[in-house]
Each structure stands twice: as structure tokens, then as C-alpha cells.
Amino acid sequence: MTLSDVRRVAGRIRWYVRELTGESAYGRYAEHTRSCDPQAPVMSRREFEHSRTDAREADPREGFRCC
């Protein structure tokens, strides 16, 4: 296995883990907001995570979470 093969596999594993954990959601949000309206304010990472958590907990399909 060459170095480029290792890098390619590592990149795919990194992408998969970021998608699985939701780590890439903020990047997609920021990119979408900037592409739709470059003048629109983009929430900070912290604000985005709070908003996302609040929306998830308010959705009855997600079920009740105690913590």
C-alpha cells in the first residue's frame, strides 16, 4: 500500500466519522448561508450547535431526552 493509498483511505475514514458524528453540519450550514445571501450573518459554531440541539429536542419524532 502506497502513501497515497493510505492518505485516500484516511480521508474517507475522516469523512465518514465527520458525517456520522454531525461534525460537518456546521460547515454545510455556513456554506449554504453564504451562498444564498452573502450579506446574511452566519451564526457562530456555538450558536449553531445550541440552535440544532434545541430544534432536535423540540421535535417529537426524536423522542424524549433527559440530559
C-alpha atoms as a PDB file:
ATOM      1  CA  MET A   1       0.000   0.000   0.000  1.00  0.00           C
ATOM      2  CA  THR A   2       1.477   3.314  -1.056  1.00  0.00           C
ATOM      3  CA  LEU A   3       1.406   6.575   0.841  1.00  0.00           C
ATOM      4  CA  SER A   4      -1.260   7.973  -1.485  1.00  0.00           C
ATOM      5  CA  ASP A   5      -3.453   4.913  -0.799  1.00  0.00           C
ATOM      6  CA  VAL A   6      -3.086   5.449   2.946  1.00  0.00           C
ATOM      7  CA  ARG A   7      -3.996   9.134   2.573  1.00  0.00           C
ATOM      8  CA  ARG A   8      -7.026   8.292   0.458  1.00  0.00           C
ATOM      9  CA  VAL A   9      -8.267   5.714   2.979  1.00  0.00           C
ATOM     10  CA  ALA A  10      -7.611   8.083   5.890  1.00  0.00           C
ATOM     11  CA  GLY A  11      -9.548  10.818   4.090  1.00  0.00           C
ATOM     12  CA  ARG A  12     -12.519   8.536   3.568  1.00  0.00           C
ATOM     13  CA  ILE A  13     -12.474   7.436   7.201  1.00  0.00           C
ATOM     14  CA  ARG A  14     -12.296  11.088   8.313  1.00  0.00           C
ATOM     15  CA  TRP A  15     -15.245  11.996   6.062  1.00  0.00           C
ATOM     16  CA  TYR A  16     -17.299   9.074   7.381  1.00  0.00           C
ATOM     17  CA  VAL A  17     -16.619   9.903  11.042  1.00  0.00           C
ATOM     18  CA  ARG A  18     -17.453  13.601  10.486  1.00  0.00           C
ATOM     19  CA  GLU A  19     -20.740  12.678   8.812  1.00  0.00           C
ATOM     20  CA  LEU A  20     -21.592  10.099  11.445  1.00  0.00           C
ATOM     21  CA  THR A  21     -20.999  12.464  14.359  1.00  0.00           C
ATOM     22  CA  GLY A  22     -22.583  15.521  12.706  1.00  0.00           C
ATOM     23  CA  GLU A  23     -19.301  17.433  12.790  1.00  0.00           C
ATOM     24  CA  SER A  24     -19.710  18.528   9.156  1.00  0.00           C
ATOM     25  CA  ALA A  25     -23.193  20.030   9.700  1.00  0.00           C
ATOM     26  CA  TYR A  26     -21.846  23.465  10.653  1.00  0.00           C
ATOM     27  CA  GLY A  27     -19.666  23.645   7.557  1.00  0.00           C
ATOM     28  CA  ARG A  28     -22.637  22.802   5.340  1.00  0.00           C
ATOM     29  CA  TYR A  29     -24.786  25.387   7.161  1.00  0.00           C
ATOM     30  CA  ALA A  30     -22.191  28.162   6.814  1.00  0.00           C
ATOM     31  CA  GLU A  31     -21.544  27.362   3.142  1.00  0.00           C
ATOM     32  CA  HIS A  32     -25.275  27.311   2.363  1.00  0.00           C
ATOM     33  CA  THR A  33     -25.938  30.583   4.203  1.00  0.00           C
ATOM     34  CA  ARG A  34     -23.073  32.364   2.460  1.00  0.00           C
ATOM     35  CA  SER A  35     -24.073  31.062  -0.982  1.00  0.00           C
ATOM     36  CA  CYS A  36     -27.736  32.077  -0.607  1.00  0.00           C
ATOM     37  CA  ASP A  37     -27.085  35.535   0.821  1.00  0.00           C
ATOM     38  CA  PRO A  38     -23.502  36.727   1.240  1.00  0.00           C
ATOM     39  CA  GLN A  39     -24.680  39.637   3.434  1.00  0.00           C
ATOM     40  CA  ALA A  40     -26.605  37.408   5.872  1.00  0.00           C
ATOM     41  CA  PRO A  41     -24.987  36.893   9.269  1.00  0.00           C
ATOM     42  CA  VAL A  42     -23.681  33.394   9.924  1.00  0.00           C
ATOM     43  CA  MET A  43     -24.209  32.006  13.423  1.00  0.00           C
ATOM     44  CA  SER A  44     -21.111  31.112  15.374  1.00  0.00           C
ATOM     45  CA  ARG A  45     -20.357  27.437  15.862  1.00  0.00           C
ATOM     46  CA  ARG A  46     -21.654  27.634  19.426  1.00  0.00           C
ATOM     47  CA  GLU A  47     -24.907  29.360  18.393  1.00  0.00           C
ATOM     48  CA  PHE A  48     -25.406  26.819  15.629  1.00  0.00           C
ATOM     49  CA  GLU A  49     -24.967  23.862  17.979  1.00  0.00           C
ATOM     50  CA  HIS A  50     -27.388  25.365  20.519  1.00  0.00           C
ATOM     51  CA  SER A  51     -29.955  26.003  17.793  1.00  0.00           C
ATOM     52  CA  ARG A  52     -29.525  22.499  16.404  1.00  0.00           C
ATOM     53  CA  THR A  53     -29.887  20.902  19.836  1.00  0.00           C
ATOM     54  CA  ASP A  54     -32.981  22.979  20.643  1.00  0.00           C
ATOM     55  CA  ALA A  55     -34.606  22.038  17.335  1.00  0.00           C
ATOM     56  CA  ARG A  56     -33.799  18.366  17.823  1.00  0.00           C
ATOM     57  CA  GLU A  57     -35.233  18.323  21.346  1.00  0.00           C
ATOM     58  CA  ALA A  58     -38.392  20.176  20.266  1.00  0.00           C
ATOM     59  CA  ASP A  59     -39.125  17.604  17.552  1.00  0.00           C
ATOM     60  CA  PRO A  60     -41.489  14.944  18.944  1.00  0.00           C
ATOM     61  CA  ARG A  61     -40.161  12.394  16.440  1.00  0.00           C
ATOM     62  CA  GLU A  62     -36.786  12.469  18.158  1.00  0.00           C
ATOM     63  CA  GLY A  63     -38.181  11.239  21.460  1.00  0.00           C
ATOM     64  CA  PHE A  64     -37.635  12.488  24.970  1.00  0.00           C
ATOM     65  CA  ARG A  65     -34.106  13.094  26.190  1.00  0.00           C
ATOM     66  CA  CYS A  66     -33.498  13.603  29.878  1.00  0.00           C
ATOM     67  CA  CYS A  67     -29.971  15.024  29.527  1.00  0.00           C
END
